[in-house]
PDB file of N, CA and C in Angstrom:
ATOM      1  N   MET A   1     -12.971  14.974  53.575  1.00  0.00           N
ATOM      2  CA  MET A   1     -13.924  14.328  54.458  1.00  0.00           C
ATOM      3  C   MET A   1     -13.706  14.856  55.864  1.00  0.00           C
ATOM      4  N   GLN A   2     -14.618  15.630  56.352  1.00  0.00           N
ATOM      5  CA  GLN A   2     -14.473  16.230  57.670  1.00  0.00           C
ATOM      6  C   GLN A   2     -15.309  15.451  58.676  1.00  0.00           C
ATOM      7  N   THR A   3     -14.720  15.117  59.815  1.00  0.00           N
ATOM      8  CA  THR A   3     -15.430  14.348  60.832  1.00  0.00           C
ATOM      9  C   THR A   3     -15.711  15.189  62.059  1.00  0.00           C
ATOM     10  N   GLY A   4     -15.745  16.496  61.937  1.00  0.00           N
ATOM     11  CA  GLY A   4     -15.996  17.356  63.079  1.00  0.00           C
ATOM     12  C   GLY A   4     -14.717  17.935  63.623  1.00  0.00           C
ATOM     13  N   SER A   5     -14.828  18.484  64.821  1.00  0.00           N
ATOM     14  CA  SER A   5     -13.651  19.068  65.458  1.00  0.00           C
ATOM     15  C   SER A   5     -13.638  18.680  66.921  1.00  0.00           C
ATOM     16  N   ARG A   6     -12.501  18.881  67.531  1.00  0.00           N
ATOM     17  CA  ARG A   6     -12.342  18.525  68.943  1.00  0.00           C
ATOM     18  C   ARG A   6     -11.290  19.426  69.550  1.00  0.00           C
ATOM     19  N   HIS A   7     -11.519  19.879  70.760  1.00  0.00           N
ATOM     20  CA  HIS A   7     -10.565  20.721  71.491  1.00  0.00           C
ATOM     21  C   HIS A   7      -9.434  19.818  71.990  1.00  0.00           C
ATOM     22  N   VAL A   8      -8.198  20.187  71.691  1.00  0.00           N
ATOM     23  CA  VAL A   8      -7.028  19.426  72.163  1.00  0.00           C
ATOM     24  C   VAL A   8      -6.058  20.400  72.812  1.00  0.00           C
ATOM     25  N   ARG A   9      -5.171  19.876  73.626  1.00  0.00           N
ATOM     26  CA  ARG A   9      -4.160  20.699  74.279  1.00  0.00           C
ATOM     27  C   ARG A   9      -2.799  20.453  73.631  1.00  0.00           C
ATOM     28  N   LEU A  10      -2.037  21.509  73.553  1.00  0.00           N
ATOM     29  CA  LEU A  10      -0.662  21.417  73.079  1.00  0.00           C
ATOM     30  C   LEU A  10       0.237  21.181  74.281  1.00  0.00           C
ATOM     31  N   PHE A  11       1.348  20.484  74.076  1.00  0.00           N
ATOM     32  CA  PHE A  11       2.290  20.240  75.168  1.00  0.00           C
ATOM     33  C   PHE A  11       3.697  20.207  74.602  1.00  0.00           C
ATOM     34  N   ARG A  12       4.668  20.175  75.480  1.00  0.00           N
ATOM     35  CA  ARG A  12       6.077  20.113  75.090  1.00  0.00           C
ATOM     36  C   ARG A  12       6.582  18.688  75.202  1.00  0.00           C
ATOM     37  N   ASN A  13       7.313  18.273  74.188  1.00  0.00           N
ATOM     38  CA  ASN A  13       8.000  16.994  74.193  1.00  0.00           C
ATOM     39  C   ASN A  13       9.461  17.323  73.903  1.00  0.00           C
ATOM     40  N   GLY A  14      10.240  17.488  74.961  1.00  0.00           N
ATOM     41  CA  GLY A  14      11.608  17.985  74.799  1.00  0.00           C
ATOM     42  C   GLY A  14      11.548  19.419  74.324  1.00  0.00           C
ATOM     43  N   ARG A  15      12.195  19.716  73.202  1.00  0.00           N
ATOM     44  CA  ARG A  15      12.184  21.084  72.662  1.00  0.00           C
ATOM     45  C   ARG A  15      11.086  21.274  71.617  1.00  0.00           C
ATOM     46  N   ASN A  16      10.298  20.216  71.350  1.00  0.00           N
ATOM     47  CA  ASN A  16       9.254  20.286  70.333  1.00  0.00           C
ATOM     48  C   ASN A  16       7.880  20.514  70.952  1.00  0.00           C
ATOM     49  N   GLN A  17       7.036  21.229  70.226  1.00  0.00           N
ATOM     50  CA  GLN A  17       5.642  21.350  70.616  1.00  0.00           C
ATOM     51  C   GLN A  17       4.903  20.164  69.997  1.00  0.00           C
ATOM     52  N   ALA A  18       3.963  19.592  70.741  1.00  0.00           N
ATOM     53  CA  ALA A  18       3.274  18.393  70.262  1.00  0.00           C
ATOM     54  C   ALA A  18       1.785  18.489  70.581  1.00  0.00           C
ATOM     55  N   VAL A  19       1.024  17.627  69.920  1.00  0.00           N
ATOM     56  CA  VAL A  19      -0.404  17.513  70.167  1.00  0.00           C
ATOM     57  C   VAL A  19      -0.757  16.029  70.114  1.00  0.00           C
ATOM     58  N   ARG A  20      -1.610  15.573  71.035  1.00  0.00           N
ATOM     59  CA  ARG A  20      -2.085  14.194  70.980  1.00  0.00           C
ATOM     60  C   ARG A  20      -3.250  14.158  69.999  1.00  0.00           C
ATOM     61  N   ILE A  21      -3.200  13.216  69.082  1.00  0.00           N
ATOM     62  CA  ILE A  21      -4.269  13.084  68.092  1.00  0.00           C
ATOM     63  C   ILE A  21      -5.302  12.110  68.647  1.00  0.00           C
ATOM     64  N   PRO A  22      -6.538  12.576  68.849  1.00  0.00           N
ATOM     65  CA  PRO A  22      -7.587  11.680  69.364  1.00  0.00           C
ATOM     66  C   PRO A  22      -7.830  10.506  68.408  1.00  0.00           C
ATOM     67  N   VAL A  23      -8.292   9.403  68.946  1.00  0.00           N
ATOM     68  CA  VAL A  23      -8.450   8.165  68.177  1.00  0.00           C
ATOM     69  C   VAL A  23      -9.321   8.359  66.939  1.00  0.00           C
ATOM     70  N   GLU A  24     -10.329   9.209  67.006  1.00  0.00           N
ATOM     71  CA  GLU A  24     -11.203   9.379  65.840  1.00  0.00           C
ATOM     72  C   GLU A  24     -10.532  10.153  64.704  1.00  0.00           C
ATOM     73  N   PHE A  25      -9.349  10.736  64.968  1.00  0.00           N
ATOM     74  CA  PHE A  25      -8.601  11.456  63.942  1.00  0.00           C
ATOM     75  C   PHE A  25      -7.302  10.750  63.566  1.00  0.00           C
ATOM     76  N   GLU A  26      -7.102   9.522  64.049  1.00  0.00           N
ATOM     77  CA  GLU A  26      -5.848   8.805  63.785  1.00  0.00           C
ATOM     78  C   GLU A  26      -5.586   8.664  62.292  1.00  0.00           C
ATOM     79  N   LEU A  27      -4.307   8.734  61.931  1.00  0.00           N
ATOM     80  CA  LEU A  27      -3.864   8.556  60.557  1.00  0.00           C
ATOM     81  C   LEU A  27      -3.253   7.167  60.418  1.00  0.00           C
ATOM     82  N   PRO A  28      -3.331   6.566  59.231  1.00  0.00           N
ATOM     83  CA  PRO A  28      -2.688   5.263  59.040  1.00  0.00           C
ATOM     84  C   PRO A  28      -1.169   5.405  59.013  1.00  0.00           C
ATOM     85  N   GLY A  29      -0.488   4.331  59.370  1.00  0.00           N
ATOM     86  CA  GLY A  29       0.974   4.316  59.297  1.00  0.00           C
ATOM     87  C   GLY A  29       1.626   5.006  60.472  1.00  0.00           C
ATOM     88  N   ASP A  30       2.939   5.253  60.343  1.00  0.00           N
ATOM     89  CA  ASP A  30       3.679   5.898  61.429  1.00  0.00           C
ATOM     90  C   ASP A  30       4.445   7.127  60.957  1.00  0.00           C
ATOM     91  N   GLU A  31       4.118   7.626  59.757  1.00  0.00           N
ATOM     92  CA  GLU A  31       4.714   8.858  59.243  1.00  0.00           C
ATOM     93  C   GLU A  31       3.627   9.699  58.592  1.00  0.00           C
ATOM     94  N   ALA A  32       3.840  11.012  58.559  1.00  0.00           N
ATOM     95  CA  ALA A  32       2.875  11.925  57.950  1.00  0.00           C
ATOM     96  C   ALA A  32       3.616  13.115  57.360  1.00  0.00           C
ATOM     97  N   ILE A  33       2.905  13.892  56.555  1.00  0.00           N
ATOM     98  CA  ILE A  33       3.415  15.137  55.985  1.00  0.00           C
ATOM     99  C   ILE A  33       2.756  16.284  56.738  1.00  0.00           C
ATOM    100  N   LEU A  34       3.543  17.254  57.182  1.00  0.00           N
ATOM    101  CA  LEU A  34       3.029  18.423  57.897  1.00  0.00           C
ATOM    102  C   LEU A  34       3.366  19.658  57.077  1.00  0.00           C
ATOM    103  N   HIS A  35       2.352  20.490  56.812  1.00  0.00           N
ATOM    104  CA  HIS A  35       2.629  21.743  56.116  1.00  0.00           C
ATOM    105  C   HIS A  35       1.714  22.833  56.651  1.00  0.00           C
ATOM    106  N   ARG A  36       2.113  24.058  56.394  1.00  0.00           N
ATOM    107  CA  ARG A  36       1.392  25.217  56.902  1.00  0.00           C
ATOM    108  C   ARG A  36       0.598  25.859  55.777  1.00  0.00           C
ATOM    109  N   GLU A  37      -0.660  26.201  56.072  1.00  0.00           N
ATOM    110  CA  GLU A  37      -1.518  26.964  55.167  1.00  0.00           C
ATOM    111  C   GLU A  37      -1.995  28.188  55.946  1.00  0.00           C
ATOM    112  N   GLY A  38      -1.275  29.302  55.806  1.00  0.00           N
ATOM    113  CA  GLY A  38      -1.597  30.488  56.599  1.00  0.00           C
ATOM    114  C   GLY A  38      -1.339  30.211  58.069  1.00  0.00           C
ATOM    115  N   ASP A  39      -2.369  30.379  58.912  1.00  0.00           N
ATOM    116  CA  ASP A  39      -2.242  30.097  60.344  1.00  0.00           C
ATOM    117  C   ASP A  39      -2.552  28.643  60.688  1.00  0.00           C
ATOM    118  N   ARG A  40      -2.892  27.839  59.704  1.00  0.00           N
ATOM    119  CA  ARG A  40      -3.265  26.442  59.948  1.00  0.00           C
ATOM    120  C   ARG A  40      -2.080  25.517  59.720  1.00  0.00           C
ATOM    121  N   LEU A  41      -2.026  24.441  60.507  1.00  0.00           N
ATOM    122  CA  LEU A  41      -1.096  23.343  60.261  1.00  0.00           C
ATOM    123  C   LEU A  41      -1.919  22.182  59.742  1.00  0.00           C
ATOM    124  N   VAL A  42      -1.486  21.607  58.645  1.00  0.00           N
ATOM    125  CA  VAL A  42      -2.217  20.498  58.028  1.00  0.00           C
ATOM    126  C   VAL A  42      -1.343  19.249  58.114  1.00  0.00           C
ATOM    127  N   ILE A  43      -1.903  18.167  58.648  1.00  0.00           N
ATOM    128  CA  ILE A  43      -1.197  16.884  58.745  1.00  0.00           C
ATOM    129  C   ILE A  43      -1.887  15.917  57.796  1.00  0.00           C
ATOM    130  N   GLU A  44      -1.102  15.333  56.884  1.00  0.00           N
ATOM    131  CA  GLU A  44      -1.651  14.390  55.914  1.00  0.00           C
ATOM    132  C   GLU A  44      -0.888  13.074  56.005  1.00  0.00           C
ATOM    133  N   PRO A  45      -1.596  11.953  55.843  1.00  0.00           N
ATOM    134  CA  PRO A  45      -0.870  10.675  55.869  1.00  0.00           C
ATOM    135  C   PRO A  45       0.098  10.590  54.705  1.00  0.00           C
ATOM    136  N   LEU A  46       1.228   9.968  54.942  1.00  0.00           N
ATOM    137  CA  LEU A  46       2.217   9.753  53.895  1.00  0.00           C
ATOM    138  C   LEU A  46       1.675   8.683  52.959  1.00  0.00           C
ATOM    139  N   PRO A  47       1.624   8.962  51.651  1.00  0.00           N
ATOM    140  CA  PRO A  47       1.097   7.942  50.737  1.00  0.00           C
ATOM    141  C   PRO A  47       1.957   6.689  50.780  1.00  0.00           C
ATOM    142  N   LYS A  48       1.306   5.534  50.647  1.00  0.00           N
ATOM    143  CA  LYS A  48       2.046   4.274  50.625  1.00  0.00           C
ATOM    144  C   LYS A  48       2.962   4.244  49.416  1.00  0.00           C
ATOM    145  N   ARG A  49       4.163   3.744  49.628  1.00  0.00           N
ATOM    146  CA  ARG A  49       5.115   3.594  48.530  1.00  0.00           C
ATOM    147  C   ARG A  49       4.849   2.254  47.867  1.00  0.00           C
ATOM    148  N   ARG A  50       4.652   2.282  46.570  1.00  0.00           N
ATOM    149  CA  ARG A  50       4.394   1.056  45.833  1.00  0.00           C
ATOM    150  C   ARG A  50       5.554   0.787  44.901  1.00  0.00           C
ATOM    151  N   LEU A  51       5.907  -0.482  44.764  1.00  0.00           N
ATOM    152  CA  LEU A  51       7.025  -0.870  43.908  1.00  0.00           C
ATOM    153  C   LEU A  51       6.777  -0.448  42.463  1.00  0.00           C
ATOM    154  N   LEU A  52       5.557  -0.591  41.974  1.00  0.00           N
ATOM    155  CA  LEU A  52       5.278  -0.212  40.592  1.00  0.00           C
ATOM    156  C   LEU A  52       5.489   1.280  40.367  1.00  0.00           C
ATOM    157  N   ASP A  53       5.165   2.112  41.364  1.00  0.00           N
ATOM    158  CA  ASP A  53       5.401   3.554  41.234  1.00  0.00           C
ATOM    159  C   ASP A  53       6.895   3.843  41.129  1.00  0.00           C
ATOM    160  N   LEU A  54       7.697   3.149  41.926  1.00  0.00           N
ATOM    161  CA  LEU A  54       9.147   3.327  41.873  1.00  0.00           C
ATOM    162  C   LEU A  54       9.698   2.876  40.522  1.00  0.00           C
ATOM    163  N   LEU A  55       9.277   1.712  40.069  1.00  0.00           N
ATOM    164  CA  LEU A  55       9.780   1.193  38.795  1.00  0.00           C
ATOM    165  C   LEU A  55       9.407   2.101  37.625  1.00  0.00           C
ATOM    166  N   ALA A  56       8.271   2.773  37.713  1.00  0.00           N
ATOM    167  CA  ALA A  56       7.848   3.670  36.631  1.00  0.00           C
ATOM    168  C   ALA A  56       8.779   4.875  36.502  1.00  0.00           C
ATOM    169  N   THR A  57       9.539   5.197  37.550  1.00  0.00           N
ATOM    170  CA  THR A  57      10.444   6.344  37.494  1.00  0.00           C
ATOM    171  C   THR A  57      11.811   5.978  36.915  1.00  0.00           C
ATOM    172  N   TRP A  58      12.103   4.693  36.796  1.00  0.00           N
ATOM    173  CA  TRP A  58      13.407   4.252  36.305  1.00  0.00           C
ATOM    174  C   TRP A  58      13.462   4.279  34.784  1.00  0.00           C
ATOM    175  N   GLU A  59      14.629   4.631  34.263  1.00  0.00           N
ATOM    176  CA  GLU A  59      14.875   4.599  32.826  1.00  0.00           C
ATOM    177  C   GLU A  59      15.184   3.156  32.422  1.00  0.00           C
ATOM    178  N   PRO A  60      14.805   2.755  31.218  1.00  0.00           N
ATOM    179  CA  PRO A  60      15.139   1.380  30.778  1.00  0.00           C
ATOM    180  C   PRO A  60      16.653   1.209  30.629  1.00  0.00           C
ATOM    181  N   LEU A  61      17.125   0.004  30.863  1.00  0.00           N
ATOM    182  CA  LEU A  61      18.546  -0.308  30.715  1.00  0.00           C
ATOM    183  C   LEU A  61      18.868  -0.508  29.242  1.00  0.00           C
ATOM    184  N   GLU A  62      19.958   0.082  28.809  1.00  0.00           N
ATOM    185  CA  GLU A  62      20.394  -0.058  27.418  1.00  0.00           C
ATOM    186  C   GLU A  62      21.511  -1.092  27.288  1.00  0.00           C
ATOM    187  N   ASP A  63      22.095  -1.495  28.402  1.00  0.00           N
ATOM    188  CA  ASP A  63      23.216  -2.436  28.374  1.00  0.00           C
ATOM    189  C   ASP A  63      22.749  -3.817  27.914  1.00  0.00           C
ATOM    190  N   GLU A  64      23.649  -4.484  27.213  1.00  0.00           N
ATOM    191  CA  GLU A  64      23.375  -5.864  26.847  1.00  0.00           C
ATOM    192  C   GLU A  64      24.010  -6.759  27.899  1.00  0.00           C
ATOM    193  N   PHE A  65      23.275  -7.774  28.288  1.00  0.00           N
ATOM    194  CA  PHE A  65      23.784  -8.688  29.296  1.00  0.00           C
ATOM    195  C   PHE A  65      24.502  -9.844  28.612  1.00  0.00           C
ATOM    196  N   PRO A  66      25.643 -10.277  29.173  1.00  0.00           N
ATOM    197  CA  PRO A  66      26.391 -11.380  28.557  1.00  0.00           C
ATOM    198  C   PRO A  66      25.640 -12.702  28.731  1.00  0.00           C
ATOM    199  N   GLU A  67      25.874 -13.596  27.789  1.00  0.00           N
ATOM    200  CA  GLU A  67      25.309 -14.932  27.908  1.00  0.00           C
ATOM    201  C   GLU A  67      26.044 -15.670  29.029  1.00  0.00           C
ATOM    202  N   ILE A  68      25.319 -16.375  29.825  1.00  0.00           N
ATOM    203  CA  ILE A  68      25.903 -17.131  30.931  1.00  0.00           C
ATOM    204  C   ILE A  68      25.542 -18.594  30.733  1.00  0.00           C
ATOM    205  N   ALA A  69      26.557 -19.428  30.741  1.00  0.00           N
ATOM    206  CA  ALA A  69      26.306 -20.862  30.599  1.00  0.00           C
ATOM    207  C   ALA A  69      25.638 -21.353  31.869  1.00  0.00           C
ATOM    208  N   ASP A  70      24.460 -21.904  31.709  1.00  0.00           N
ATOM    209  CA  ASP A  70      23.696 -22.381  32.868  1.00  0.00           C
ATOM    210  C   ASP A  70      23.644 -23.899  32.808  1.00  0.00           C
ATOM    211  N   GLU A  71      24.780 -24.490  33.131  1.00  0.00           N
ATOM    212  CA  GLU A  71      24.896 -25.934  33.054  1.00  0.00           C
ATOM    213  C   GLU A  71      24.317 -26.569  34.308  1.00  0.00           C
ATOM    214  N   PRO A  72      23.728 -27.766  34.185  1.00  0.00           N
ATOM    215  CA  PRO A  72      23.192 -28.416  35.384  1.00  0.00           C
ATOM    216  C   PRO A  72      24.300 -28.810  36.337  1.00  0.00           C
ATOM    217  N   VAL A  73      23.952 -28.847  37.603  1.00  0.00           N
ATOM    218  CA  VAL A  73      24.909 -29.210  38.640  1.00  0.00           C
ATOM    219  C   VAL A  73      25.192 -30.717  38.556  1.00  0.00           C
ATOM    220  N   LYS A  74      26.482 -31.056  38.692  1.00  0.00           N
ATOM    221  CA  LYS A  74      26.856 -32.464  38.637  1.00  0.00           C
ATOM    222  C   LYS A  74      26.547 -33.090  40.010  1.00  0.00           C
ATOM    223  N   PRO A  75      25.870 -34.244  39.985  1.00  0.00           N
ATOM    224  CA  PRO A  75      25.535 -34.882  41.274  1.00  0.00           C
ATOM    225  C   PRO A  75      26.798 -35.352  41.995  1.00  0.00           C
ATOM    226  N   GLU A  76      26.737 -35.283  43.321  1.00  0.00           N
ATOM    227  CA  GLU A  76      27.851 -35.738  44.139  1.00  0.00           C
ATOM    228  C   GLU A  76      27.378 -36.885  45.005  1.00  0.00           C
ATOM    229  N   ASP A  77      28.257 -37.854  45.221  1.00  0.00           N
ATOM    230  CA  ASP A  77      27.942 -38.948  46.132  1.00  0.00           C
ATOM    231  C   ASP A  77      28.447 -38.525  47.514  1.00  0.00           C
ATOM    232  N   VAL A  78      27.537 -38.250  48.414  1.00  0.00           N
ATOM    233  CA  VAL A  78      27.942 -37.752  49.733  1.00  0.00           C
ATOM    234  C   VAL A  78      27.997 -38.866  50.783  1.00  0.00           C
ATOM    235  N   PHE A  79      27.624 -40.091  50.407  1.00  0.00           N
ATOM    236  CA  PHE A  79      27.668 -41.196  51.367  1.00  0.00           C
ATOM    237  C   PHE A  79      28.715 -42.179  51.022  1.00  0.00           C
TER     238      PHE A  79
END
């Protein structure tokens, strides 16, 4: 989805070269992926991390869990 183009200036931020991203090109979040395609630099928003995606990468547990006695708490007279 292309929204046009805009002339921007490059500047130095310490030892890094930087560019201000105009509001109409803002990306969601506070992190992005930067990669080079020939002479072009491409900035892409970092995909949101979802818990279900993480869980899908885990192997199932083979361990058996021990039985734990879950007895009710005995009431205490505190007064």
